[in-house]
Amino acid sequence: MKSIVNIAIIGAGYAATLHLRGYKKFTGSNINVKYIIDKDVELAKKLSYDYGIKCFHDDIDLALNDKEINIIDICTPPFTHEDIILKSIKAGKNIICEKPAIGYFSNWINLM
């Protein structure tokens, strides 16, 4: 039996929709999108309903503190990435982030 990969998607806009479509097509693992998190909780609620996801919220800490969450999938505008990435690292989560986190990466060296 394959282990379940639990994902929290941060951001409920267009990028989240693309990622959700991709997860539906993925066949290499048991993927469970457990949360949609967005500051606009109504947007998170709608996307959750559209894709059959049970949990939606406006507080990222819910996902960061959930021991079942393996991956934080960041689908927010690039200017928000640094804060979300740093919080996710501190929470011990794996991260998916497609766009640049920040313009210059040398300040991350101290985190490694």
PDB file of N, CA and C in Angstrom:
ATOM      1  N   MET A   1       0.838  -1.186   0.000  1.00  0.00           N
ATOM      2  CA  MET A   1       0.000   0.000   0.000  1.00  0.00           C
ATOM      3  C   MET A   1       0.879   1.245   0.000  1.00  0.00           C
ATOM      4  N   LYS A   2       0.548   2.175  -0.863  1.00  0.00           N
ATOM      5  CA  LYS A   2       1.308   3.418  -0.957  1.00  0.00           C
ATOM      6  C   LYS A   2       0.900   4.356   0.166  1.00  0.00           C
ATOM      7  N   SER A   3       1.876   5.110   0.651  1.00  0.00           N
ATOM      8  CA  SER A   3       1.548   6.078   1.691  1.00  0.00           C
ATOM      9  C   SER A   3       0.812   7.269   1.083  1.00  0.00           C
ATOM     10  N   ILE A   4       0.046   7.940   1.896  1.00  0.00           N
ATOM     11  CA  ILE A   4      -0.724   9.105   1.460  1.00  0.00           C
ATOM     12  C   ILE A   4       0.134  10.350   1.599  1.00  0.00           C
ATOM     13  N   VAL A   5       0.117  11.181   0.566  1.00  0.00           N
ATOM     14  CA  VAL A   5       0.788  12.470   0.590  1.00  0.00           C
ATOM     15  C   VAL A   5      -0.293  13.521   0.812  1.00  0.00           C
ATOM     16  N   ASN A   6      -0.253  14.165   1.969  1.00  0.00           N
ATOM     17  CA  ASN A   6      -1.243  15.189   2.310  1.00  0.00           C
ATOM     18  C   ASN A   6      -0.698  16.564   1.964  1.00  0.00           C
ATOM     19  N   ILE A   7      -1.514  17.331   1.250  1.00  0.00           N
ATOM     20  CA  ILE A   7      -1.107  18.627   0.724  1.00  0.00           C
ATOM     21  C   ILE A   7      -2.038  19.715   1.230  1.00  0.00           C
ATOM     22  N   ALA A   8      -1.450  20.867   1.533  1.00  0.00           N
ATOM     23  CA  ALA A   8      -2.222  22.086   1.804  1.00  0.00           C
ATOM     24  C   ALA A   8      -1.877  23.079   0.705  1.00  0.00           C
ATOM     25  N   ILE A   9      -2.881  23.520  -0.013  1.00  0.00           N
ATOM     26  CA  ILE A   9      -2.680  24.540  -1.044  1.00  0.00           C
ATOM     27  C   ILE A   9      -2.932  25.897  -0.411  1.00  0.00           C
ATOM     28  N   ILE A  10      -1.954  26.778  -0.554  1.00  0.00           N
ATOM     29  CA  ILE A  10      -2.065  28.132  -0.027  1.00  0.00           C
ATOM     30  C   ILE A  10      -2.359  29.046  -1.207  1.00  0.00           C
ATOM     31  N   GLY A  11      -3.517  29.656  -1.185  1.00  0.00           N
ATOM     32  CA  GLY A  11      -3.979  30.488  -2.285  1.00  0.00           C
ATOM     33  C   GLY A  11      -5.077  29.748  -3.036  1.00  0.00           C
ATOM     34  N   ALA A  12      -6.153  30.451  -3.359  1.00  0.00           N
ATOM     35  CA  ALA A  12      -7.303  29.814  -4.004  1.00  0.00           C
ATOM     36  C   ALA A  12      -7.635  30.455  -5.347  1.00  0.00           C
ATOM     37  N   GLY A  13      -6.625  31.025  -5.979  1.00  0.00           N
ATOM     38  CA  GLY A  13      -6.843  31.654  -7.277  1.00  0.00           C
ATOM     39  C   GLY A  13      -6.596  30.696  -8.431  1.00  0.00           C
ATOM     40  N   TYR A  14      -6.271  31.265  -9.565  1.00  0.00           N
ATOM     41  CA  TYR A  14      -6.119  30.498 -10.801  1.00  0.00           C
ATOM     42  C   TYR A  14      -5.023  29.437 -10.693  1.00  0.00           C
ATOM     43  N   ALA A  15      -3.886  29.777 -10.093  1.00  0.00           N
ATOM     44  CA  ALA A  15      -2.791  28.800  -9.972  1.00  0.00           C
ATOM     45  C   ALA A  15      -3.234  27.586  -9.164  1.00  0.00           C
ATOM     46  N   ALA A  16      -4.013  27.798  -8.129  1.00  0.00           N
ATOM     47  CA  ALA A  16      -4.507  26.679  -7.322  1.00  0.00           C
ATOM     48  C   ALA A  16      -5.385  25.756  -8.172  1.00  0.00           C
ATOM     49  N   THR A  17      -6.192  26.333  -9.032  1.00  0.00           N
ATOM     50  CA  THR A  17      -7.030  25.535  -9.923  1.00  0.00           C
ATOM     51  C   THR A  17      -6.174  24.667 -10.837  1.00  0.00           C
ATOM     52  N   LEU A  18      -5.102  25.247 -11.381  1.00  0.00           N
ATOM     53  CA  LEU A  18      -4.204  24.476 -12.240  1.00  0.00           C
ATOM     54  C   LEU A  18      -3.551  23.338 -11.471  1.00  0.00           C
ATOM     55  N   HIS A  19      -3.122  23.609 -10.246  1.00  0.00           N
ATOM     56  CA  HIS A  19      -2.484  22.572  -9.438  1.00  0.00           C
ATOM     57  C   HIS A  19      -3.479  21.464  -9.096  1.00  0.00           C
ATOM     58  N   LEU A  20      -4.704  21.834  -8.755  1.00  0.00           N
ATOM     59  CA  LEU A  20      -5.723  20.834  -8.438  1.00  0.00           C
ATOM     60  C   LEU A  20      -6.023  19.940  -9.638  1.00  0.00           C
ATOM     61  N   ARG A  21      -6.083  20.531 -10.821  1.00  0.00           N
ATOM     62  CA  ARG A  21      -6.291  19.731 -12.032  1.00  0.00           C
ATOM     63  C   ARG A  21      -5.133  18.747 -12.222  1.00  0.00           C
ATOM     64  N   GLY A  22      -3.923  19.227 -11.967  1.00  0.00           N
ATOM     65  CA  GLY A  22      -2.751  18.363 -12.080  1.00  0.00           C
ATOM     66  C   GLY A  22      -2.772  17.230 -11.082  1.00  0.00           C
ATOM     67  N   TYR A  23      -3.139  17.519  -9.841  1.00  0.00           N
ATOM     68  CA  TYR A  23      -3.197  16.468  -8.817  1.00  0.00           C
ATOM     69  C   TYR A  23      -4.208  15.390  -9.179  1.00  0.00           C
ATOM     70  N   LYS A  24      -5.310  15.775  -9.821  1.00  0.00           N
ATOM     71  CA  LYS A  24      -6.313  14.789 -10.231  1.00  0.00           C
ATOM     72  C   LYS A  24      -5.741  13.808 -11.253  1.00  0.00           C
ATOM     73  N   LYS A  25      -4.781  14.266 -12.065  1.00  0.00           N
ATOM     74  CA  LYS A  25      -4.204  13.431 -13.122  1.00  0.00           C
ATOM     75  C   LYS A  25      -3.006  12.623 -12.647  1.00  0.00           C
ATOM     76  N   PHE A  26      -2.452  12.957 -11.504  1.00  0.00           N
ATOM     77  CA  PHE A  26      -1.239  12.308 -11.017  1.00  0.00           C
ATOM     78  C   PHE A  26      -1.536  10.882 -10.571  1.00  0.00           C
ATOM     79  N   THR A  27      -0.738   9.928 -11.027  1.00  0.00           N
ATOM     80  CA  THR A  27      -1.005   8.530 -10.722  1.00  0.00           C
ATOM     81  C   THR A  27       0.115   7.851  -9.934  1.00  0.00           C
ATOM     82  N   GLY A  28       1.167   8.569  -9.579  1.00  0.00           N
ATOM     83  CA  GLY A  28       2.310   7.943  -8.940  1.00  0.00           C
ATOM     84  C   GLY A  28       2.207   7.773  -7.444  1.00  0.00           C
ATOM     85  N   SER A  29       1.188   8.303  -6.814  1.00  0.00           N
ATOM     86  CA  SER A  29       1.072   8.250  -5.363  1.00  0.00           C
ATOM     87  C   SER A  29      -0.366   8.519  -4.963  1.00  0.00           C
ATOM     88  N   ASN A  30      -0.668   8.244  -3.712  1.00  0.00           N
ATOM     89  CA  ASN A  30      -1.988   8.587  -3.172  1.00  0.00           C
ATOM     90  C   ASN A  30      -1.925  10.017  -2.666  1.00  0.00           C
ATOM     91  N   ILE A  31      -2.498  10.924  -3.413  1.00  0.00           N
ATOM     92  CA  ILE A  31      -2.456  12.337  -3.075  1.00  0.00           C
ATOM     93  C   ILE A  31      -3.782  12.755  -2.471  1.00  0.00           C
ATOM     94  N   ASN A  32      -3.693  13.473  -1.366  1.00  0.00           N
ATOM     95  CA  ASN A  32      -4.870  14.011  -0.703  1.00  0.00           C
ATOM     96  C   ASN A  32      -4.651  15.499  -0.458  1.00  0.00           C
ATOM     97  N   VAL A  33      -5.409  16.311  -1.165  1.00  0.00           N
ATOM     98  CA  VAL A  33      -5.376  17.741  -0.871  1.00  0.00           C
ATOM     99  C   VAL A  33      -6.305  17.941   0.317  1.00  0.00           C
ATOM    100  N   LYS A  34      -5.708  18.228   1.453  1.00  0.00           N
ATOM    101  CA  LYS A  34      -6.473  18.309   2.699  1.00  0.00           C
ATOM    102  C   LYS A  34      -7.026  19.706   2.950  1.00  0.00           C
ATOM    103  N   TYR A  35      -6.295  20.736   2.544  1.00  0.00           N
ATOM    104  CA  TYR A  35      -6.706  22.118   2.816  1.00  0.00           C
ATOM    105  C   TYR A  35      -6.569  22.999   1.586  1.00  0.00           C
ATOM    106  N   ILE A  36      -7.469  23.959   1.498  1.00  0.00           N
ATOM    107  CA  ILE A  36      -7.303  25.146   0.667  1.00  0.00           C
ATOM    108  C   ILE A  36      -7.305  26.307   1.652  1.00  0.00           C
ATOM    109  N   ILE A  37      -6.219  27.064   1.660  1.00  0.00           N
ATOM    110  CA  ILE A  37      -6.083  28.200   2.581  1.00  0.00           C
ATOM    111  C   ILE A  37      -5.981  29.478   1.756  1.00  0.00           C
ATOM    112  N   ASP A  38      -6.798  30.458   2.075  1.00  0.00           N
ATOM    113  CA  ASP A  38      -6.732  31.758   1.404  1.00  0.00           C
ATOM    114  C   ASP A  38      -7.256  32.824   2.356  1.00  0.00           C
ATOM    115  N   LYS A  39      -6.673  34.016   2.285  1.00  0.00           N
ATOM    116  CA  LYS A  39      -7.170  35.121   3.113  1.00  0.00           C
ATOM    117  C   LYS A  39      -8.638  35.404   2.816  1.00  0.00           C
ATOM    118  N   ASP A  40      -9.034  35.159   1.574  1.00  0.00           N
ATOM    119  CA  ASP A  40     -10.440  35.285   1.174  1.00  0.00           C
ATOM    120  C   ASP A  40     -11.101  33.923   1.398  1.00  0.00           C
ATOM    121  N   VAL A  41     -11.652  33.718   2.580  1.00  0.00           N
ATOM    122  CA  VAL A  41     -12.186  32.405   2.948  1.00  0.00           C
ATOM    123  C   VAL A  41     -13.344  31.976   2.051  1.00  0.00           C
ATOM    124  N   GLU A  42     -14.082  32.910   1.512  1.00  0.00           N
ATOM    125  CA  GLU A  42     -15.171  32.549   0.590  1.00  0.00           C
ATOM    126  C   GLU A  42     -14.620  31.967  -0.707  1.00  0.00           C
ATOM    127  N   LEU A  43     -13.502  32.502  -1.176  1.00  0.00           N
ATOM    128  CA  LEU A  43     -12.851  31.956  -2.363  1.00  0.00           C
ATOM    129  C   LEU A  43     -12.330  30.550  -2.070  1.00  0.00           C
ATOM    130  N   ALA A  44     -11.721  30.367  -0.897  1.00  0.00           N
ATOM    131  CA  ALA A  44     -11.241  29.039  -0.486  1.00  0.00           C
ATOM    132  C   ALA A  44     -12.408  28.060  -0.372  1.00  0.00           C
ATOM    133  N   LYS A  45     -13.513  28.517   0.161  1.00  0.00           N
ATOM    134  CA  LYS A  45     -14.703  27.673   0.310  1.00  0.00           C
ATOM    135  C   LYS A  45     -15.225  27.220  -1.050  1.00  0.00           C
ATOM    136  N   LYS A  46     -15.311  28.149  -1.997  1.00  0.00           N
ATOM    137  CA  LYS A  46     -15.816  27.814  -3.329  1.00  0.00           C
ATOM    138  C   LYS A  46     -14.906  26.804  -4.017  1.00  0.00           C
ATOM    139  N   LEU A  47     -13.593  27.043  -3.975  1.00  0.00           N
ATOM    140  CA  LEU A  47     -12.664  26.123  -4.624  1.00  0.00           C
ATOM    141  C   LEU A  47     -12.709  24.747  -3.952  1.00  0.00           C
ATOM    142  N   SER A  48     -12.807  24.741  -2.642  1.00  0.00           N
ATOM    143  CA  SER A  48     -12.919  23.468  -1.905  1.00  0.00           C
ATOM    144  C   SER A  48     -14.161  22.704  -2.326  1.00  0.00           C
ATOM    145  N   TYR A  49     -15.264  23.403  -2.441  1.00  0.00           N
ATOM    146  CA  TYR A  49     -16.512  22.778  -2.869  1.00  0.00           C
ATOM    147  C   TYR A  49     -16.380  22.230  -4.294  1.00  0.00           C
ATOM    148  N   ASP A  50     -15.801  23.045  -5.194  1.00  0.00           N
ATOM    149  CA  ASP A  50     -15.663  22.642  -6.597  1.00  0.00           C
ATOM    150  C   ASP A  50     -14.832  21.374  -6.765  1.00  0.00           C
ATOM    151  N   TYR A  51     -13.841  21.174  -5.878  1.00  0.00           N
ATOM    152  CA  TYR A  51     -12.925  20.040  -6.011  1.00  0.00           C
ATOM    153  C   TYR A  51     -13.107  18.973  -4.927  1.00  0.00           C
ATOM    154  N   GLY A  52     -14.143  19.086  -4.127  1.00  0.00           N
ATOM    155  CA  GLY A  52     -14.435  18.070  -3.129  1.00  0.00           C
ATOM    156  C   GLY A  52     -13.432  17.996  -1.985  1.00  0.00           C
ATOM    157  N   ILE A  53     -12.893  19.135  -1.615  1.00  0.00           N
ATOM    158  CA  ILE A  53     -11.932  19.202  -0.519  1.00  0.00           C
ATOM    159  C   ILE A  53     -12.686  19.617   0.740  1.00  0.00           C
ATOM    160  N   LYS A  54     -12.495  18.867   1.817  1.00  0.00           N
ATOM    161  CA  LYS A  54     -13.301  19.073   3.015  1.00  0.00           C
ATOM    162  C   LYS A  54     -12.907  20.287   3.839  1.00  0.00           C
ATOM    163  N   CYS A  55     -11.633  20.647   3.843  1.00  0.00           N
ATOM    164  CA  CYS A  55     -11.160  21.707   4.745  1.00  0.00           C
ATOM    165  C   CYS A  55     -10.735  22.949   3.970  1.00  0.00           C
ATOM    166  N   PHE A  56     -11.253  24.072   4.372  1.00  0.00           N
ATOM    167  CA  PHE A  56     -10.826  25.360   3.838  1.00  0.00           C
ATOM    168  C   PHE A  56     -10.728  26.314   5.021  1.00  0.00           C
ATOM    169  N   HIS A  57      -9.855  27.294   4.883  1.00  0.00           N
ATOM    170  CA  HIS A  57      -9.647  28.219   6.001  1.00  0.00           C
ATOM    171  C   HIS A  57      -8.920  29.450   5.492  1.00  0.00           C
ATOM    172  N   ASP A  58      -8.812  30.455   6.366  1.00  0.00           N
ATOM    173  CA  ASP A  58      -8.061  31.658   6.029  1.00  0.00           C
ATOM    174  C   ASP A  58      -6.765  31.782   6.835  1.00  0.00           C
ATOM    175  N   ASP A  59      -6.432  30.753   7.613  1.00  0.00           N
ATOM    176  CA  ASP A  59      -5.256  30.810   8.487  1.00  0.00           C
ATOM    177  C   ASP A  59      -4.263  29.714   8.119  1.00  0.00           C
ATOM    178  N   ILE A  60      -3.118  30.100   7.589  1.00  0.00           N
ATOM    179  CA  ILE A  60      -2.090  29.144   7.169  1.00  0.00           C
ATOM    180  C   ILE A  60      -1.572  28.321   8.338  1.00  0.00           C
ATOM    181  N   ASP A  61      -1.609  28.870   9.549  1.00  0.00           N
ATOM    182  CA  ASP A  61      -1.086  28.144  10.703  1.00  0.00           C
ATOM    183  C   ASP A  61      -1.833  26.826  10.949  1.00  0.00           C
ATOM    184  N   LEU A  62      -3.071  26.754  10.537  1.00  0.00           N
ATOM    185  CA  LEU A  62      -3.830  25.508  10.655  1.00  0.00           C
ATOM    186  C   LEU A  62      -3.110  24.394   9.904  1.00  0.00           C
ATOM    187  N   ALA A  63      -2.690  24.665   8.685  1.00  0.00           N
ATOM    188  CA  ALA A  63      -1.985  23.671   7.877  1.00  0.00           C
ATOM    189  C   ALA A  63      -0.559  23.443   8.385  1.00  0.00           C
ATOM    190  N   LEU A  64       0.116  24.514   8.778  1.00  0.00           N
ATOM    191  CA  LEU A  64       1.496  24.380   9.241  1.00  0.00           C
ATOM    192  C   LEU A  64       1.595  23.561  10.523  1.00  0.00           C
ATOM    193  N   ASN A  65       0.580  23.619  11.354  1.00  0.00           N
ATOM    194  CA  ASN A  65       0.590  22.878  12.615  1.00  0.00           C
ATOM    195  C   ASN A  65      -0.014  21.481  12.506  1.00  0.00           C
ATOM    196  N   ASP A  66      -0.516  21.128  11.349  1.00  0.00           N
ATOM    197  CA  ASP A  66      -1.112  19.809  11.131  1.00  0.00           C
ATOM    198  C   ASP A  66      -0.003  18.819  10.799  1.00  0.00           C
ATOM    199  N   LYS A  67       0.212  17.846  11.664  1.00  0.00           N
ATOM    200  CA  LYS A  67       1.292  16.864  11.482  1.00  0.00           C
ATOM    201  C   LYS A  67       1.078  15.966  10.265  1.00  0.00           C
ATOM    202  N   GLU A  68      -0.152  15.871   9.780  1.00  0.00           N
ATOM    203  CA  GLU A  68      -0.420  15.043   8.602  1.00  0.00           C
ATOM    204  C   GLU A  68       0.019  15.711   7.299  1.00  0.00           C
ATOM    205  N   ILE A  69       0.149  17.029   7.307  1.00  0.00           N
ATOM    206  CA  ILE A  69       0.498  17.740   6.077  1.00  0.00           C
ATOM    207  C   ILE A  69       1.966  17.511   5.743  1.00  0.00           C
ATOM    208  N   ASN A  70       2.201  16.967   4.549  1.00  0.00           N
ATOM    209  CA  ASN A  70       3.549  16.717   4.063  1.00  0.00           C
ATOM    210  C   ASN A  70       4.074  17.862   3.210  1.00  0.00           C
ATOM    211  N   ILE A  71       3.171  18.477   2.436  1.00  0.00           N
ATOM    212  CA  ILE A  71       3.579  19.480   1.450  1.00  0.00           C
ATOM    213  C   ILE A  71       2.718  20.729   1.563  1.00  0.00           C
ATOM    214  N   ILE A  72       3.392  21.870   1.546  1.00  0.00           N
ATOM    215  CA  ILE A  72       2.725  23.164   1.401  1.00  0.00           C
ATOM    216  C   ILE A  72       2.925  23.574  -0.056  1.00  0.00           C
ATOM    217  N   ASP A  73       1.834  23.693  -0.781  1.00  0.00           N
ATOM    218  CA  ASP A  73       1.861  24.075  -2.194  1.00  0.00           C
ATOM    219  C   ASP A  73       1.465  25.542  -2.285  1.00  0.00           C
ATOM    220  N   ILE A  74       2.424  26.386  -2.602  1.00  0.00           N
ATOM    221  CA  ILE A  74       2.211  27.831  -2.586  1.00  0.00           C
ATOM    222  C   ILE A  74       1.695  28.295  -3.944  1.00  0.00           C
ATOM    223  N   CYS A  75       0.464  28.794  -3.948  1.00  0.00           N
ATOM    224  CA  CYS A  75      -0.201  29.274  -5.160  1.00  0.00           C
ATOM    225  C   CYS A  75      -0.656  30.721  -4.976  1.00  0.00           C
ATOM    226  N   THR A  76       0.177  31.496  -4.346  1.00  0.00           N
ATOM    227  CA  THR A  76      -0.120  32.902  -4.075  1.00  0.00           C
ATOM    228  C   THR A  76       0.778  33.781  -4.944  1.00  0.00           C
ATOM    229  N   PRO A  77       0.522  35.091  -4.978  1.00  0.00           N
ATOM    230  CA  PRO A  77       1.392  35.986  -5.744  1.00  0.00           C
ATOM    231  C   PRO A  77       2.838  35.946  -5.223  1.00  0.00           C
ATOM    232  N   PRO A  78       3.813  36.099  -6.123  1.00  0.00           N
ATOM    233  CA  PRO A  78       5.222  35.985  -5.732  1.00  0.00           C
ATOM    234  C   PRO A  78       5.651  36.854  -4.546  1.00  0.00           C
ATOM    235  N   PHE A  79       5.083  38.026  -4.368  1.00  0.00           N
ATOM    236  CA  PHE A  79       5.524  38.883  -3.268  1.00  0.00           C
ATOM    237  C   PHE A  79       5.188  38.285  -1.894  1.00  0.00           C
ATOM    238  N   THR A  80       4.322  37.276  -1.857  1.00  0.00           N
ATOM    239  CA  THR A  80       3.965  36.634  -0.587  1.00  0.00           C
ATOM    240  C   THR A  80       4.801  35.389  -0.292  1.00  0.00           C
ATOM    241  N   HIS A  81       5.581  34.925  -1.249  1.00  0.00           N
ATOM    242  CA  HIS A  81       6.263  33.641  -1.144  1.00  0.00           C
ATOM    243  C   HIS A  81       7.283  33.570  -0.009  1.00  0.00           C
ATOM    244  N   GLU A  82       8.073  34.596   0.149  1.00  0.00           N
ATOM    245  CA  GLU A  82       9.138  34.521   1.156  1.00  0.00           C
ATOM    246  C   GLU A  82       8.586  34.201   2.541  1.00  0.00           C
ATOM    247  N   ASP A  83       7.574  34.912   2.965  1.00  0.00           N
ATOM    248  CA  ASP A  83       7.005  34.704   4.293  1.00  0.00           C
ATOM    249  C   ASP A  83       6.436  33.283   4.438  1.00  0.00           C
ATOM    250  N   ILE A  84       5.718  32.835   3.431  1.00  0.00           N
ATOM    251  CA  ILE A  84       5.116  31.497   3.481  1.00  0.00           C
ATOM    252  C   ILE A  84       6.201  30.422   3.483  1.00  0.00           C
ATOM    253  N   ILE A  85       7.223  30.596   2.676  1.00  0.00           N
ATOM    254  CA  ILE A  85       8.316  29.623   2.619  1.00  0.00           C
ATOM    255  C   ILE A  85       9.034  29.544   3.960  1.00  0.00           C
ATOM    256  N   LEU A  86       9.358  30.678   4.539  1.00  0.00           N
ATOM    257  CA  LEU A  86      10.069  30.671   5.817  1.00  0.00           C
ATOM    258  C   LEU A  86       9.234  30.020   6.917  1.00  0.00           C
ATOM    259  N   LYS A  87       7.940  30.313   6.961  1.00  0.00           N
ATOM    260  CA  LYS A  87       7.058  29.674   7.943  1.00  0.00           C
ATOM    261  C   LYS A  87       6.990  28.162   7.702  1.00  0.00           C
ATOM    262  N   SER A  88       6.942  27.761   6.444  1.00  0.00           N
ATOM    263  CA  SER A  88       6.854  26.344   6.103  1.00  0.00           C
ATOM    264  C   SER A  88       8.133  25.599   6.474  1.00  0.00           C
ATOM    265  N   ILE A  89       9.274  26.221   6.250  1.00  0.00           N
ATOM    266  CA  ILE A  89      10.552  25.616   6.636  1.00  0.00           C
ATOM    267  C   ILE A  89      10.596  25.419   8.145  1.00  0.00           C
ATOM    268  N   LYS A  90      10.216  26.450   8.880  1.00  0.00           N
ATOM    269  CA  LYS A  90      10.234  26.359  10.345  1.00  0.00           C
ATOM    270  C   LYS A  90       9.290  25.271  10.852  1.00  0.00           C
ATOM    271  N   ALA A  91       8.210  25.013  10.104  1.00  0.00           N
ATOM    272  CA  ALA A  91       7.252  23.972  10.491  1.00  0.00           C
ATOM    273  C   ALA A  91       7.694  22.586  10.015  1.00  0.00           C
ATOM    274  N   GLY A  92       8.813  22.513   9.290  1.00  0.00           N
ATOM    275  CA  GLY A  92       9.330  21.231   8.821  1.00  0.00           C
ATOM    276  C   GLY A  92       8.581  20.656   7.636  1.00  0.00           C
ATOM    277  N   LYS A  93       7.964  21.509   6.847  1.00  0.00           N
ATOM    278  CA  LYS A  93       7.164  21.041   5.707  1.00  0.00           C
ATOM    279  C   LYS A  93       7.981  21.054   4.413  1.00  0.00           C
ATOM    280  N   ASN A  94       7.631  20.173   3.492  1.00  0.00           N
ATOM    281  CA  ASN A  94       8.141  20.237   2.128  1.00  0.00           C
ATOM    282  C   ASN A  94       7.351  21.321   1.410  1.00  0.00           C
ATOM    283  N   ILE A  95       7.961  21.919   0.393  1.00  0.00           N
ATOM    284  CA  ILE A  95       7.366  23.094  -0.246  1.00  0.00           C
ATOM    285  C   ILE A  95       7.370  22.938  -1.763  1.00  0.00           C
ATOM    286  N   ILE A  96       6.247  23.320  -2.368  1.00  0.00           N
ATOM    287  CA  ILE A  96       6.179  23.499  -3.815  1.00  0.00           C
ATOM    288  C   ILE A  96       5.970  24.992  -4.038  1.00  0.00           C
ATOM    289  N   CYS A  97       6.880  25.589  -4.815  1.00  0.00           N
ATOM    290  CA  CYS A  97       6.785  27.015  -5.123  1.00  0.00           C
ATOM    291  C   CYS A  97       7.350  27.219  -6.515  1.00  0.00           C
ATOM    292  N   GLU A  98       6.507  27.599  -7.458  1.00  0.00           N
ATOM    293  CA  GLU A  98       6.929  27.685  -8.849  1.00  0.00           C
ATOM    294  C   GLU A  98       7.610  28.986  -9.220  1.00  0.00           C
ATOM    295  N   LYS A  99       7.200  30.056  -8.656  1.00  0.00           N
ATOM    296  CA  LYS A  99       7.750  31.363  -9.015  1.00  0.00           C
ATOM    297  C   LYS A  99       8.882  31.713  -8.065  1.00  0.00           C
ATOM    298  N   PRO A 100       9.632  32.738  -8.388  1.00  0.00           N
ATOM    299  CA  PRO A 100      10.729  33.132  -7.485  1.00  0.00           C
ATOM    300  C   PRO A 100      10.213  33.441  -6.082  1.00  0.00           C
ATOM    301  N   ALA A 101      10.913  32.929  -5.110  1.00  0.00           N
ATOM    302  CA  ALA A 101      10.557  33.213  -3.724  1.00  0.00           C
ATOM    303  C   ALA A 101      10.920  34.650  -3.392  1.00  0.00           C
ATOM    304  N   ILE A 102      12.139  35.011  -3.739  1.00  0.00           N
ATOM    305  CA  ILE A 102      12.650  36.363  -3.542  1.00  0.00           C
ATOM    306  C   ILE A 102      13.662  36.606  -4.649  1.00  0.00           C
ATOM    307  N   GLY A 103      14.059  37.815  -4.831  1.00  0.00           N
ATOM    308  CA  GLY A 103      14.975  38.141  -5.921  1.00  0.00           C
ATOM    309  C   GLY A 103      16.392  37.652  -5.698  1.00  0.00           C
ATOM    310  N   TYR A 104      16.787  37.430  -4.463  1.00  0.00           N
ATOM    311  CA  TYR A 104      18.176  37.102  -4.163  1.00  0.00           C
ATOM    312  C   TYR A 104      18.205  36.043  -3.081  1.00  0.00           C
ATOM    313  N   PHE A 105      18.859  34.922  -3.330  1.00  0.00           N
ATOM    314  CA  PHE A 105      18.768  33.772  -2.449  1.00  0.00           C
ATOM    315  C   PHE A 105      19.870  33.654  -1.408  1.00  0.00           C
ATOM    316  N   SER A 106      20.857  34.525  -1.419  1.00  0.00           N
ATOM    317  CA  SER A 106      21.969  34.336  -0.487  1.00  0.00           C
ATOM    318  C   SER A 106      21.538  34.471   0.968  1.00  0.00           C
ATOM    319  N   ASN A 107      20.465  35.204   1.259  1.00  0.00           N
ATOM    320  CA  ASN A 107      20.027  35.340   2.638  1.00  0.00           C
ATOM    321  C   ASN A 107      19.401  34.058   3.168  1.00  0.00           C
ATOM    322  N   TRP A 108      19.176  33.059   2.323  1.00  0.00           N
ATOM    323  CA  TRP A 108      18.666  31.770   2.764  1.00  0.00           C
ATOM    324  C   TRP A 108      19.768  30.873   3.294  1.00  0.00           C
ATOM    325  N   ILE A 109      21.007  31.208   2.996  1.00  0.00           N
ATOM    326  CA  ILE A 109      22.123  30.355   3.408  1.00  0.00           C
ATOM    327  C   ILE A 109      22.104  30.126   4.910  1.00  0.00           C
ATOM    328  N   ASN A 110      21.734  31.120   5.677  1.00  0.00           N
ATOM    329  CA  ASN A 110      21.695  30.986   7.126  1.00  0.00           C
ATOM    330  C   ASN A 110      20.633  30.002   7.599  1.00  0.00           C
ATOM    331  N   LEU A 111      19.659  29.686   6.751  1.00  0.00           N
ATOM    332  CA  LEU A 111      18.606  28.736   7.125  1.00  0.00           C
ATOM    333  C   LEU A 111      19.032  27.294   6.933  1.00  0.00           C
ATOM    334  N   MET A 112      20.018  27.078   6.101  1.00  0.00           N
ATOM    335  CA  MET A 112      20.434  25.712   5.773  1.00  0.00           C
ATOM    336  C   MET A 112      21.328  25.125   6.831  1.00  0.00           C
TER     337      MET A 112
END
